[in-house]
Amino acid sequence: MRHLSTKLLAGTVAGSLLVAAAAAQADRSDWPSNFTVGTASQGGTYFVYGSGWANLIADELDVSGGGEVTGGPNQNLALVHTGDLALGLTTMGPAAEAVAGQSPLAPGVPMDNVCALFPMYETPFSITALSSSDIESISDIPDGARIGFGPSASTSDTYFPAILEELGVNFERRNGGWSDLGGQLQDGLLDVIAFAAGIPIPAVSQLEVQTDVNIIEFTEEEQAQVLEAFPVAEFQIPASTYSTLEEDARAVSMWNFAIAGCDLPESFVYEVTRVTMENNDKMRNVHRSAETSIPENIVHNTVLPFHPGAVRWYEENGHEIPDDLKL
C-alpha cells in the first residue's frame, strides 16, 4: 500500500506540474514573439543599460529581444506610443511633455499609449572639457564655444542648451552620438560636451584613459538658479565615479524610467517587471547605475500611468501605486 501511495503521489505531482506548465504556456499565448528596447546612441548609458536589460529579459523569459539605437528619450516615447517599439527608456521631463502633447517630435499629439514600468536612475547634467582648454567652470566657457549636446531631441539636447542659456553661456550647438562627440572633443573640434546621461558615462571614462579632462561642476548659485527654472533635482556626482574627480561634483539631475506600450499583455509586463525588480544584482552587472533601479524609487514617477502588469507586481510585493497613476 505504501508503494502504491507513493506511485499515486508521484503521479499526482507530475500531473500538477503538467497542468502548471500548460497554464504557464497558455499565459504566453498573447505575448509578443520578440521585443525591442529603445535606447539611445552608442557610447551613452542608455545604450549600455537598455541593451543589457533587454538581454536579461530575453534570457530569463526565453523571448527573443534586444536593444536598438535611437535618438533617446523623446524618440523612445514616440516609438512606444505608436507601437513601433514594445519597450523603451525615457526621462521624466520629456515624458511630461509627451503626455501633455508638447513633444517636439509630435506637437499637439498627447502620447497616451505610454506606461511606466520601473525606475532606472537619475540622469546628472554634467559638463566635460579637455584640461588643455583651461575651462574649469561654467563661467570659463568662452562666447561662441562649440558644445556637443548629444543626439538631437535627446534629454540632453532638449534641456542642457536652455540650462546653459539660463546661465548666460553663448554657444554653437552641435549634435551627435556620445562616442562621436567624445572623439570630436579629443580632436579639438568641440570645446565642451554637455552630458545628460547616467554615470559613469562610458564616453567620459574612455576620454579619461586617453587624455586629461576637466569635469565641471555647478556653483551653488548656478545650481539654485537652474533648480528654480527647470524640472530638475539637486545631485552630487560621487568622486568615485571618475578618476579625474578628487571630490564630489555639484550638479542637477532628472529621473529615468523604463516604459512600455500600455496595450502590451498584462502577463508579459508582469513578468518583465518581476525579473527586473527581483534581480537587482544582475541589473547592476549590466550597469552600476542600476543600484537605484529598485521598487522604492517608483515614487519619482508622477507623470506616466504604470502598466497594469507592473501595478500587479508592485502591489503584490507591498508597494502602493497612487490611483491617479493607474489605467
C-alpha atoms as a PDB file:
ATOM      1  CA  MET A   1       0.000   0.000   0.000  1.00  0.00           C
ATOM      2  CA  ARG A   2       2.838   2.367   0.898  1.00  0.00           C
ATOM      3  CA  HIS A   3       4.447   1.671  -2.514  1.00  0.00           C
ATOM      4  CA  LEU A   4       1.134   2.281  -4.295  1.00  0.00           C
ATOM      5  CA  SER A   5       0.558   5.527  -2.380  1.00  0.00           C
ATOM      6  CA  THR A   6       3.992   6.766  -3.365  1.00  0.00           C
ATOM      7  CA  LYS A   7       3.275   5.991  -7.004  1.00  0.00           C
ATOM      8  CA  LEU A   8      -0.092   7.700  -6.760  1.00  0.00           C
ATOM      9  CA  LEU A   9       1.530  10.728  -5.104  1.00  0.00           C
ATOM     10  CA  ALA A  10       4.208  10.890  -7.778  1.00  0.00           C
ATOM     11  CA  GLY A  11       1.552  10.703 -10.472  1.00  0.00           C
ATOM     12  CA  THR A  12      -0.455  13.440  -8.804  1.00  0.00           C
ATOM     13  CA  VAL A  13       2.620  15.701  -8.547  1.00  0.00           C
ATOM     14  CA  ALA A  14       3.570  15.005 -12.158  1.00  0.00           C
ATOM     15  CA  GLY A  15       0.039  15.774 -13.265  1.00  0.00           C
ATOM     16  CA  SER A  16       0.047  19.003 -11.294  1.00  0.00           C
ATOM     17  CA  LEU A  17       3.328  20.028 -12.871  1.00  0.00           C
ATOM     18  CA  LEU A  18       1.948  19.318 -16.330  1.00  0.00           C
ATOM     19  CA  VAL A  19      -1.143  21.380 -15.587  1.00  0.00           C
ATOM     20  CA  ALA A  20       1.029  24.230 -14.256  1.00  0.00           C
ATOM     21  CA  ALA A  21       3.278  24.039 -17.301  1.00  0.00           C
ATOM     22  CA  ALA A  22       0.279  24.087 -19.599  1.00  0.00           C
ATOM     23  CA  ALA A  23      -1.143  27.078 -17.728  1.00  0.00           C
ATOM     24  CA  ALA A  24       2.155  28.902 -17.979  1.00  0.00           C
ATOM     25  CA  GLN A  25       2.260  28.200 -21.697  1.00  0.00           C
ATOM     26  CA  ALA A  26      -1.337  29.382 -22.065  1.00  0.00           C
ATOM     27  CA  ASP A  27      -0.452  32.608 -20.260  1.00  0.00           C
ATOM     28  CA  ARG A  28       2.082  33.297 -23.021  1.00  0.00           C
ATOM     29  CA  SER A  29      -0.415  32.904 -25.841  1.00  0.00           C
ATOM     30  CA  ASP A  30      -0.766  36.664 -26.355  1.00  0.00           C
ATOM     31  CA  TRP A  31       2.876  37.534 -25.652  1.00  0.00           C
ATOM     32  CA  PRO A  32       4.920  39.177 -28.408  1.00  0.00           C
ATOM     33  CA  SER A  33       7.164  36.710 -30.225  1.00  0.00           C
ATOM     34  CA  ASN A  34      10.018  39.203 -29.829  1.00  0.00           C
ATOM     35  CA  PHE A  35      10.593  42.663 -28.397  1.00  0.00           C
ATOM     36  CA  THR A  36      12.880  45.648 -28.864  1.00  0.00           C
ATOM     37  CA  VAL A  37      14.033  48.176 -26.270  1.00  0.00           C
ATOM     38  CA  GLY A  38      14.575  51.733 -27.495  1.00  0.00           C
ATOM     39  CA  THR A  39      17.840  53.061 -26.029  1.00  0.00           C
ATOM     40  CA  ALA A  40      19.904  55.989 -27.432  1.00  0.00           C
ATOM     41  CA  SER A  41      23.217  56.473 -29.199  1.00  0.00           C
ATOM     42  CA  GLN A  42      26.167  54.133 -28.741  1.00  0.00           C
ATOM     43  CA  GLY A  43      28.621  55.315 -26.084  1.00  0.00           C
ATOM     44  CA  GLY A  44      25.885  56.539 -23.755  1.00  0.00           C
ATOM     45  CA  THR A  45      24.436  54.928 -20.644  1.00  0.00           C
ATOM     46  CA  TYR A  46      21.019  54.345 -22.224  1.00  0.00           C
ATOM     47  CA  PHE A  47      22.554  52.102 -24.858  1.00  0.00           C
ATOM     48  CA  VAL A  48      24.556  50.051 -22.337  1.00  0.00           C
ATOM     49  CA  TYR A  49      21.722  49.861 -19.789  1.00  0.00           C
ATOM     50  CA  GLY A  50      18.937  49.211 -22.305  1.00  0.00           C
ATOM     51  CA  SER A  51      20.795  46.575 -24.313  1.00  0.00           C
ATOM     52  CA  GLY A  52      21.873  44.737 -21.157  1.00  0.00           C
ATOM     53  CA  TRP A  53      18.362  44.881 -19.710  1.00  0.00           C
ATOM     54  CA  ALA A  54      16.908  43.540 -22.978  1.00  0.00           C
ATOM     55  CA  ASN A  55      19.354  40.628 -22.885  1.00  0.00           C
ATOM     56  CA  LEU A  56      18.427  39.859 -19.266  1.00  0.00           C
ATOM     57  CA  ILE A  57      14.707  39.805 -20.087  1.00  0.00           C
ATOM     58  CA  ALA A  58      15.283  37.688 -23.191  1.00  0.00           C
ATOM     59  CA  ASP A  59      17.361  35.157 -21.250  1.00  0.00           C
ATOM     60  CA  GLU A  60      15.095  34.935 -18.205  1.00  0.00           C
ATOM     61  CA  LEU A  61      11.809  34.776 -20.122  1.00  0.00           C
ATOM     62  CA  ASP A  62      13.057  32.859 -23.157  1.00  0.00           C
ATOM     63  CA  VAL A  63      11.776  35.508 -25.575  1.00  0.00           C
ATOM     64  CA  SER A  64      13.834  36.944 -28.410  1.00  0.00           C
ATOM     65  CA  GLY A  65      14.717  40.583 -27.733  1.00  0.00           C
ATOM     66  CA  GLY A  66      17.409  43.238 -27.847  1.00  0.00           C
ATOM     67  CA  GLY A  67      18.258  46.914 -27.674  1.00  0.00           C
ATOM     68  CA  GLU A  68      18.021  49.348 -30.584  1.00  0.00           C
ATOM     69  CA  VAL A  69      19.938  52.583 -31.174  1.00  0.00           C
ATOM     70  CA  THR A  70      17.514  55.544 -31.192  1.00  0.00           C
ATOM     71  CA  GLY A  71      17.556  59.295 -30.700  1.00  0.00           C
ATOM     72  CA  GLY A  72      16.899  58.854 -26.985  1.00  0.00           C
ATOM     73  CA  PRO A  73      14.019  59.661 -24.597  1.00  0.00           C
ATOM     74  CA  ASN A  74      11.807  61.755 -26.893  1.00  0.00           C
ATOM     75  CA  GLN A  75      12.026  59.321 -29.779  1.00  0.00           C
ATOM     76  CA  ASN A  76      11.537  56.337 -27.469  1.00  0.00           C
ATOM     77  CA  LEU A  77       8.314  57.878 -26.152  1.00  0.00           C
ATOM     78  CA  ALA A  78       7.045  58.353 -29.698  1.00  0.00           C
ATOM     79  CA  LEU A  79       8.041  54.868 -30.874  1.00  0.00           C
ATOM     80  CA  VAL A  80       6.494  53.158 -27.847  1.00  0.00           C
ATOM     81  CA  HIS A  81       3.329  55.249 -28.223  1.00  0.00           C
ATOM     82  CA  THR A  82       2.899  54.165 -31.852  1.00  0.00           C
ATOM     83  CA  GLY A  83       3.748  50.523 -31.090  1.00  0.00           C
ATOM     84  CA  ASP A  84       6.910  50.523 -33.205  1.00  0.00           C
ATOM     85  CA  LEU A  85       8.807  49.576 -30.041  1.00  0.00           C
ATOM     86  CA  ALA A  86       7.470  47.459 -27.199  1.00  0.00           C
ATOM     87  CA  LEU A  87       9.769  48.879 -24.532  1.00  0.00           C
ATOM     88  CA  GLY A  88      11.986  51.904 -24.117  1.00  0.00           C
ATOM     89  CA  LEU A  89      13.840  54.215 -21.775  1.00  0.00           C
ATOM     90  CA  THR A  90      12.893  57.823 -21.071  1.00  0.00           C
ATOM     91  CA  THR A  91      13.273  60.744 -18.696  1.00  0.00           C
ATOM     92  CA  MET A  92      10.562  62.443 -16.654  1.00  0.00           C
ATOM     93  CA  GLY A  93      10.910  65.860 -18.327  1.00  0.00           C
ATOM     94  CA  PRO A  94      10.288  64.597 -21.878  1.00  0.00           C
ATOM     95  CA  ALA A  95       7.605  62.227 -20.524  1.00  0.00           C
ATOM     96  CA  ALA A  96       5.651  65.121 -19.002  1.00  0.00           C
ATOM     97  CA  GLU A  97       5.841  66.999 -22.313  1.00  0.00           C
ATOM     98  CA  ALA A  98       4.742  63.915 -24.291  1.00  0.00           C
ATOM     99  CA  VAL A  99       1.703  63.278 -22.088  1.00  0.00           C
ATOM    100  CA  ALA A 100       0.694  66.925 -22.454  1.00  0.00           C
ATOM    101  CA  GLY A 101       1.009  66.780 -26.253  1.00  0.00           C
ATOM    102  CA  GLN A 102       4.085  69.006 -26.217  1.00  0.00           C
ATOM    103  CA  SER A 103       6.692  66.580 -27.548  1.00  0.00           C
ATOM    104  CA  PRO A 104       8.966  68.294 -30.084  1.00  0.00           C
ATOM    105  CA  LEU A 105       8.553  65.190 -32.272  1.00  0.00           C
ATOM    106  CA  ALA A 106       4.734  65.312 -32.321  1.00  0.00           C
ATOM    107  CA  PRO A 107       3.386  68.709 -31.227  1.00  0.00           C
ATOM    108  CA  GLY A 108      -0.282  68.578 -30.294  1.00  0.00           C
ATOM    109  CA  VAL A 109      -0.390  64.774 -30.005  1.00  0.00           C
ATOM    110  CA  PRO A 110      -0.847  63.536 -26.407  1.00  0.00           C
ATOM    111  CA  MET A 111       1.081  60.274 -26.127  1.00  0.00           C
ATOM    112  CA  ASP A 112      -1.420  58.240 -24.126  1.00  0.00           C
ATOM    113  CA  ASN A 113      -0.161  54.756 -25.014  1.00  0.00           C
ATOM    114  CA  VAL A 114       2.984  55.012 -22.882  1.00  0.00           C
ATOM    115  CA  CYS A 115       3.074  53.371 -19.447  1.00  0.00           C
ATOM    116  CA  ALA A 116       5.766  53.339 -16.770  1.00  0.00           C
ATOM    117  CA  LEU A 117       7.478  50.096 -15.738  1.00  0.00           C
ATOM    118  CA  PHE A 118      10.207  50.792 -13.203  1.00  0.00           C
ATOM    119  CA  PRO A 119      12.683  53.470 -12.034  1.00  0.00           C
ATOM    120  CA  MET A 120      16.132  53.343 -13.589  1.00  0.00           C
ATOM    121  CA  TYR A 121      18.414  56.039 -12.212  1.00  0.00           C
ATOM    122  CA  GLU A 122      18.892  59.771 -12.042  1.00  0.00           C
ATOM    123  CA  THR A 123      20.441  61.467 -15.049  1.00  0.00           C
ATOM    124  CA  PRO A 124      23.006  64.047 -13.913  1.00  0.00           C
ATOM    125  CA  PHE A 125      23.681  67.026 -16.136  1.00  0.00           C
ATOM    126  CA  SER A 126      27.468  67.329 -16.288  1.00  0.00           C
ATOM    127  CA  ILE A 127      29.984  69.214 -18.383  1.00  0.00           C
ATOM    128  CA  THR A 128      33.320  67.906 -19.661  1.00  0.00           C
ATOM    129  CA  ALA A 129      36.180  69.755 -21.350  1.00  0.00           C
ATOM    130  CA  LEU A 130      39.808  68.941 -22.081  1.00  0.00           C
ATOM    131  CA  SER A 131      42.175  70.128 -19.359  1.00  0.00           C
ATOM    132  CA  SER A 132      44.220  71.848 -22.059  1.00  0.00           C
ATOM    133  CA  SER A 133      41.249  74.164 -22.766  1.00  0.00           C
ATOM    134  CA  ASP A 134      41.611  75.861 -19.344  1.00  0.00           C
ATOM    135  CA  ILE A 135      37.825  75.629 -18.964  1.00  0.00           C
ATOM    136  CA  GLU A 136      37.382  74.860 -15.265  1.00  0.00           C
ATOM    137  CA  SER A 137      33.964  76.382 -14.588  1.00  0.00           C
ATOM    138  CA  ILE A 138      30.785  77.265 -16.454  1.00  0.00           C
ATOM    139  CA  SER A 139      31.801  80.929 -16.386  1.00  0.00           C
ATOM    140  CA  ASP A 140      35.036  79.959 -18.178  1.00  0.00           C
ATOM    141  CA  ILE A 141      33.158  78.707 -21.249  1.00  0.00           C
ATOM    142  CA  PRO A 142      34.018  81.266 -23.949  1.00  0.00           C
ATOM    143  CA  ASP A 143      31.473  83.038 -26.125  1.00  0.00           C
ATOM    144  CA  GLY A 144      30.733  81.001 -29.231  1.00  0.00           C
ATOM    145  CA  ALA A 145      32.054  77.770 -27.706  1.00  0.00           C
ATOM    146  CA  ARG A 146      31.294  74.676 -29.757  1.00  0.00           C
ATOM    147  CA  ILE A 147      29.248  72.500 -27.409  1.00  0.00           C
ATOM    148  CA  GLY A 148      28.091  68.936 -28.105  1.00  0.00           C
ATOM    149  CA  PHE A 149      24.668  68.225 -26.613  1.00  0.00           C
ATOM    150  CA  GLY A 150      24.211  64.587 -27.651  1.00  0.00           C
ATOM    151  CA  PRO A 151      21.686  63.217 -30.151  1.00  0.00           C
ATOM    152  CA  SER A 152      19.081  65.615 -31.500  1.00  0.00           C
ATOM    153  CA  ALA A 153      15.884  65.654 -29.373  1.00  0.00           C
ATOM    154  CA  SER A 154      17.564  63.700 -26.546  1.00  0.00           C
ATOM    155  CA  THR A 155      17.106  64.781 -22.911  1.00  0.00           C
ATOM    156  CA  SER A 156      20.485  66.457 -23.042  1.00  0.00           C
ATOM    157  CA  ASP A 157      19.689  68.276 -26.284  1.00  0.00           C
ATOM    158  CA  THR A 158      16.250  69.298 -25.005  1.00  0.00           C
ATOM    159  CA  TYR A 159      17.281  70.731 -21.651  1.00  0.00           C
ATOM    160  CA  PHE A 160      21.021  71.431 -21.489  1.00  0.00           C
ATOM    161  CA  PRO A 161      21.101  74.234 -24.103  1.00  0.00           C
ATOM    162  CA  ALA A 162      18.315  76.004 -22.205  1.00  0.00           C
ATOM    163  CA  ILE A 163      20.137  75.460 -18.904  1.00  0.00           C
ATOM    164  CA  LEU A 164      23.352  76.985 -20.247  1.00  0.00           C
ATOM    165  CA  GLU A 165      21.435  79.878 -21.821  1.00  0.00           C
ATOM    166  CA  GLU A 166      19.835  80.472 -18.422  1.00  0.00           C
ATOM    167  CA  LEU A 167      23.370  80.704 -17.002  1.00  0.00           C
ATOM    168  CA  GLY A 168      24.432  83.209 -19.638  1.00  0.00           C
ATOM    169  CA  VAL A 169      26.520  80.934 -21.879  1.00  0.00           C
ATOM    170  CA  ASN A 170      26.595  81.720 -25.613  1.00  0.00           C
ATOM    171  CA  PHE A 171      27.478  78.746 -27.799  1.00  0.00           C
ATOM    172  CA  GLU A 172      27.418  76.945 -31.117  1.00  0.00           C
ATOM    173  CA  ARG A 173      25.174  73.906 -30.827  1.00  0.00           C
ATOM    174  CA  ARG A 174      26.384  70.532 -32.097  1.00  0.00           C
ATOM    175  CA  ASN A 175      24.634  67.144 -32.047  1.00  0.00           C
ATOM    176  CA  GLY A 176      25.764  63.552 -32.379  1.00  0.00           C
ATOM    177  CA  GLY A 177      26.260  60.287 -30.523  1.00  0.00           C
ATOM    178  CA  TRP A 178      28.267  60.464 -27.300  1.00  0.00           C
ATOM    179  CA  SER A 179      31.157  58.370 -28.613  1.00  0.00           C
ATOM    180  CA  ASP A 180      31.400  60.563 -31.709  1.00  0.00           C
ATOM    181  CA  LEU A 181      31.260  63.776 -29.676  1.00  0.00           C
ATOM    182  CA  GLY A 182      33.930  62.430 -27.335  1.00  0.00           C
ATOM    183  CA  GLY A 183      36.178  61.862 -30.334  1.00  0.00           C
ATOM    184  CA  GLN A 184      35.453  65.388 -31.614  1.00  0.00           C
ATOM    185  CA  LEU A 185      36.334  66.859 -28.217  1.00  0.00           C
ATOM    186  CA  GLN A 186      39.621  64.969 -28.168  1.00  0.00           C
ATOM    187  CA  ASP A 187      40.397  66.117 -31.730  1.00  0.00           C
ATOM    188  CA  GLY A 188      39.756  69.768 -30.887  1.00  0.00           C
ATOM    189  CA  LEU A 189      36.577  70.023 -32.963  1.00  0.00           C
ATOM    190  CA  LEU A 190      34.498  70.761 -29.860  1.00  0.00           C
ATOM    191  CA  ASP A 191      35.242  72.907 -26.806  1.00  0.00           C
ATOM    192  CA  VAL A 192      32.801  71.292 -24.387  1.00  0.00           C
ATOM    193  CA  ILE A 193      30.429  68.338 -24.141  1.00  0.00           C
ATOM    194  CA  ALA A 194      27.289  68.853 -22.070  1.00  0.00           C
ATOM    195  CA  PHE A 195      26.261  65.358 -20.981  1.00  0.00           C
ATOM    196  CA  ALA A 196      22.900  64.293 -19.638  1.00  0.00           C
ATOM    197  CA  ALA A 197      23.433  60.578 -19.040  1.00  0.00           C
ATOM    198  CA  GLY A 198      23.678  58.031 -16.259  1.00  0.00           C
ATOM    199  CA  ILE A 199      27.062  57.821 -14.611  1.00  0.00           C
ATOM    200  CA  PRO A 200      29.694  56.718 -15.221  1.00  0.00           C
ATOM    201  CA  ILE A 201      29.263  57.911 -18.805  1.00  0.00           C
ATOM    202  CA  PRO A 202      31.210  55.450 -20.988  1.00  0.00           C
ATOM    203  CA  ALA A 203      32.437  58.230 -23.298  1.00  0.00           C
ATOM    204  CA  VAL A 204      33.887  60.179 -20.340  1.00  0.00           C
ATOM    205  CA  SER A 205      35.519  57.084 -18.881  1.00  0.00           C
ATOM    206  CA  GLN A 206      37.118  56.453 -22.278  1.00  0.00           C
ATOM    207  CA  LEU A 207      38.317  60.058 -22.537  1.00  0.00           C
ATOM    208  CA  GLU A 208      39.952  59.800 -19.111  1.00  0.00           C
ATOM    209  CA  VAL A 209      42.023  56.878 -20.317  1.00  0.00           C
ATOM    210  CA  GLN A 210      43.211  58.743 -23.407  1.00  0.00           C
ATOM    211  CA  THR A 211      43.700  62.337 -22.224  1.00  0.00           C
ATOM    212  CA  ASP A 212      43.303  64.777 -19.307  1.00  0.00           C
ATOM    213  CA  VAL A 213      39.806  66.169 -18.825  1.00  0.00           C
ATOM    214  CA  ASN A 214      38.008  68.607 -16.545  1.00  0.00           C
ATOM    215  CA  ILE A 215      34.619  67.594 -15.173  1.00  0.00           C
ATOM    216  CA  ILE A 216      32.990  70.937 -14.482  1.00  0.00           C
ATOM    217  CA  GLU A 217      30.569  71.344 -11.593  1.00  0.00           C
ATOM    218  CA  PHE A 218      27.850  73.909 -10.980  1.00  0.00           C
ATOM    219  CA  THR A 219      28.471  76.548  -8.336  1.00  0.00           C
ATOM    220  CA  GLU A 220      25.895  76.712  -5.534  1.00  0.00           C
ATOM    221  CA  GLU A 221      24.416  79.840  -7.126  1.00  0.00           C
ATOM    222  CA  GLU A 222      24.256  78.251 -10.581  1.00  0.00           C
ATOM    223  CA  GLN A 223      22.631  75.131  -9.174  1.00  0.00           C
ATOM    224  CA  ALA A 224      19.994  77.170  -7.314  1.00  0.00           C
ATOM    225  CA  GLN A 225      19.237  79.197 -10.449  1.00  0.00           C
ATOM    226  CA  VAL A 226      18.738  76.048 -12.533  1.00  0.00           C
ATOM    227  CA  LEU A 227      16.609  74.359  -9.852  1.00  0.00           C
ATOM    228  CA  GLU A 228      14.317  77.383  -9.927  1.00  0.00           C
ATOM    229  CA  ALA A 229      13.969  77.379 -13.709  1.00  0.00           C
ATOM    230  CA  PHE A 230      13.764  73.680 -14.692  1.00  0.00           C
ATOM    231  CA  PRO A 231      12.174  70.346 -13.550  1.00  0.00           C
ATOM    232  CA  VAL A 232      15.427  69.033 -12.075  1.00  0.00           C
ATOM    233  CA  ALA A 233      16.744  67.987  -8.666  1.00  0.00           C
ATOM    234  CA  GLU A 234      19.961  68.533  -6.734  1.00  0.00           C
ATOM    235  CA  PHE A 235      22.650  65.953  -7.404  1.00  0.00           C
ATOM    236  CA  GLN A 236      26.227  65.202  -6.411  1.00  0.00           C
ATOM    237  CA  ILE A 237      28.440  63.213  -8.785  1.00  0.00           C
ATOM    238  CA  PRO A 238      30.411  60.980  -6.388  1.00  0.00           C
ATOM    239  CA  ALA A 239      34.176  61.402  -6.564  1.00  0.00           C
ATOM    240  CA  SER A 240      34.471  57.636  -7.033  1.00  0.00           C
ATOM    241  CA  THR A 241      32.678  57.878 -10.406  1.00  0.00           C
ATOM    242  CA  TYR A 242      35.725  59.108 -12.345  1.00  0.00           C
ATOM    243  CA  SER A 243      39.445  59.050 -11.673  1.00  0.00           C
ATOM    244  CA  THR A 244      39.524  62.743 -12.628  1.00  0.00           C
ATOM    245  CA  LEU A 245      37.361  63.769  -9.666  1.00  0.00           C
ATOM    246  CA  GLU A 246      39.020  64.365  -6.325  1.00  0.00           C
ATOM    247  CA  GLU A 247      35.765  65.251  -4.542  1.00  0.00           C
ATOM    248  CA  ASP A 248      32.044  65.100  -5.221  1.00  0.00           C
ATOM    249  CA  ALA A 249      30.916  67.435  -8.010  1.00  0.00           C
ATOM    250  CA  ARG A 250      27.757  69.546  -7.690  1.00  0.00           C
ATOM    251  CA  ALA A 251      25.200  69.008 -10.484  1.00  0.00           C
ATOM    252  CA  VAL A 252      21.473  68.658 -11.208  1.00  0.00           C
ATOM    253  CA  SER A 253      19.563  65.596 -12.386  1.00  0.00           C
ATOM    254  CA  MET A 254      16.343  64.095 -13.809  1.00  0.00           C
ATOM    255  CA  TRP A 255      14.898  60.637 -13.116  1.00  0.00           C
ATOM    256  CA  ASN A 256      14.706  57.991 -15.840  1.00  0.00           C
ATOM    257  CA  PHE A 257      12.064  55.263 -16.145  1.00  0.00           C
ATOM    258  CA  ALA A 258      11.630  52.233 -18.347  1.00  0.00           C
ATOM    259  CA  ILE A 259       8.416  52.422 -20.368  1.00  0.00           C
ATOM    260  CA  ALA A 260       6.123  50.044 -22.245  1.00  0.00           C
ATOM    261  CA  GLY A 261       3.199  50.280 -24.599  1.00  0.00           C
ATOM    262  CA  CYS A 262       0.074  50.346 -22.430  1.00  0.00           C
ATOM    263  CA  ASP A 263      -1.528  47.795 -24.767  1.00  0.00           C
ATOM    264  CA  LEU A 264       1.106  45.110 -24.142  1.00  0.00           C
ATOM    265  CA  PRO A 265      -0.282  41.969 -22.451  1.00  0.00           C
ATOM    266  CA  GLU A 266      -0.502  42.315 -18.668  1.00  0.00           C
ATOM    267  CA  SER A 267       1.083  38.915 -18.035  1.00  0.00           C
ATOM    268  CA  PHE A 268       4.094  39.772 -20.218  1.00  0.00           C
ATOM    269  CA  VAL A 269       4.707  43.112 -18.494  1.00  0.00           C
ATOM    270  CA  TYR A 270       4.198  41.491 -15.075  1.00  0.00           C
ATOM    271  CA  GLU A 271       6.990  39.014 -15.849  1.00  0.00           C
ATOM    272  CA  VAL A 272       9.261  41.735 -17.266  1.00  0.00           C
ATOM    273  CA  THR A 273       8.752  43.770 -14.079  1.00  0.00           C
ATOM    274  CA  ARG A 274       9.245  40.746 -11.841  1.00  0.00           C
ATOM    275  CA  VAL A 275      12.503  39.685 -13.496  1.00  0.00           C
ATOM    276  CA  THR A 276      13.865  43.225 -13.354  1.00  0.00           C
ATOM    277  CA  MET A 277      12.866  44.082  -9.800  1.00  0.00           C
ATOM    278  CA  GLU A 278      13.866  40.694  -8.349  1.00  0.00           C
ATOM    279  CA  ASN A 279      17.309  40.599  -9.965  1.00  0.00           C
ATOM    280  CA  ASN A 280      18.968  43.865  -8.995  1.00  0.00           C
ATOM    281  CA  ASP A 281      22.331  42.118  -8.705  1.00  0.00           C
ATOM    282  CA  LYS A 282      22.115  41.151 -12.384  1.00  0.00           C
ATOM    283  CA  MET A 283      20.934  44.634 -13.292  1.00  0.00           C
ATOM    284  CA  ARG A 284      23.949  46.157 -11.520  1.00  0.00           C
ATOM    285  CA  ASN A 285      26.129  43.860 -13.610  1.00  0.00           C
ATOM    286  CA  VAL A 286      24.544  45.477 -16.677  1.00  0.00           C
ATOM    287  CA  HIS A 287      25.403  48.987 -15.409  1.00  0.00           C
ATOM    288  CA  ARG A 288      26.322  50.212 -11.953  1.00  0.00           C
ATOM    289  CA  SER A 289      23.679  52.967 -12.138  1.00  0.00           C
ATOM    290  CA  ALA A 290      21.071  50.212 -11.747  1.00  0.00           C
ATOM    291  CA  GLU A 291      21.714  50.240  -7.994  1.00  0.00           C
ATOM    292  CA  THR A 292      18.780  52.697  -7.886  1.00  0.00           C
ATOM    293  CA  SER A 293      16.590  50.504 -10.111  1.00  0.00           C
ATOM    294  CA  ILE A 294      14.596  49.357  -7.091  1.00  0.00           C
ATOM    295  CA  PRO A 295      10.859  49.396  -6.244  1.00  0.00           C
ATOM    296  CA  GLU A 296      11.239  52.065  -3.563  1.00  0.00           C
ATOM    297  CA  ASN A 297      12.045  54.626  -6.267  1.00  0.00           C
ATOM    298  CA  ILE A 298       8.708  54.295  -8.096  1.00  0.00           C
ATOM    299  CA  VAL A 299       7.702  57.451  -6.173  1.00  0.00           C
ATOM    300  CA  HIS A 300       9.793  59.514  -8.600  1.00  0.00           C
ATOM    301  CA  ASN A 301       7.254  58.945 -11.378  1.00  0.00           C
ATOM    302  CA  THR A 302       4.403  61.417 -11.027  1.00  0.00           C
ATOM    303  CA  VAL A 303       3.734  61.708 -14.754  1.00  0.00           C
ATOM    304  CA  LEU A 304       3.039  58.394 -16.517  1.00  0.00           C
ATOM    305  CA  PRO A 305       0.448  55.764 -15.572  1.00  0.00           C
ATOM    306  CA  PHE A 306       2.001  52.476 -14.547  1.00  0.00           C
ATOM    307  CA  HIS A 307       1.229  49.491 -16.769  1.00  0.00           C
ATOM    308  CA  PRO A 308      -1.359  47.176 -15.140  1.00  0.00           C
ATOM    309  CA  GLY A 309       1.174  44.324 -15.226  1.00  0.00           C
ATOM    310  CA  ALA A 310       3.683  46.434 -13.308  1.00  0.00           C
ATOM    311  CA  VAL A 311       0.991  47.599 -10.888  1.00  0.00           C
ATOM    312  CA  ARG A 312       0.124  43.971 -10.094  1.00  0.00           C
ATOM    313  CA  TRP A 313       3.746  43.094  -9.257  1.00  0.00           C
ATOM    314  CA  TYR A 314       4.255  46.186  -7.088  1.00  0.00           C
ATOM    315  CA  GLU A 315       1.042  45.708  -5.148  1.00  0.00           C
ATOM    316  CA  GLU A 316       1.700  42.010  -4.630  1.00  0.00           C
ATOM    317  CA  ASN A 317       5.032  42.999  -3.110  1.00  0.00           C
ATOM    318  CA  GLY A 318       3.775  45.723  -0.774  1.00  0.00           C
ATOM    319  CA  HIS A 319       4.371  48.830  -2.893  1.00  0.00           C
ATOM    320  CA  GLU A 320       1.483  51.252  -3.343  1.00  0.00           C
ATOM    321  CA  ILE A 321       0.658  52.890  -6.650  1.00  0.00           C
ATOM    322  CA  PRO A 322      -1.496  56.047  -6.417  1.00  0.00           C
ATOM    323  CA  ASP A 323      -4.915  55.652  -8.041  1.00  0.00           C
ATOM    324  CA  ASP A 324      -4.235  58.525 -10.429  1.00  0.00           C
ATOM    325  CA  LEU A 325      -1.254  56.583 -11.828  1.00  0.00           C
ATOM    326  CA  LYS A 326      -3.317  53.505 -12.682  1.00  0.00           C
ATOM    327  CA  LEU A 327      -5.081  52.963 -16.005  1.00  0.00           C
END
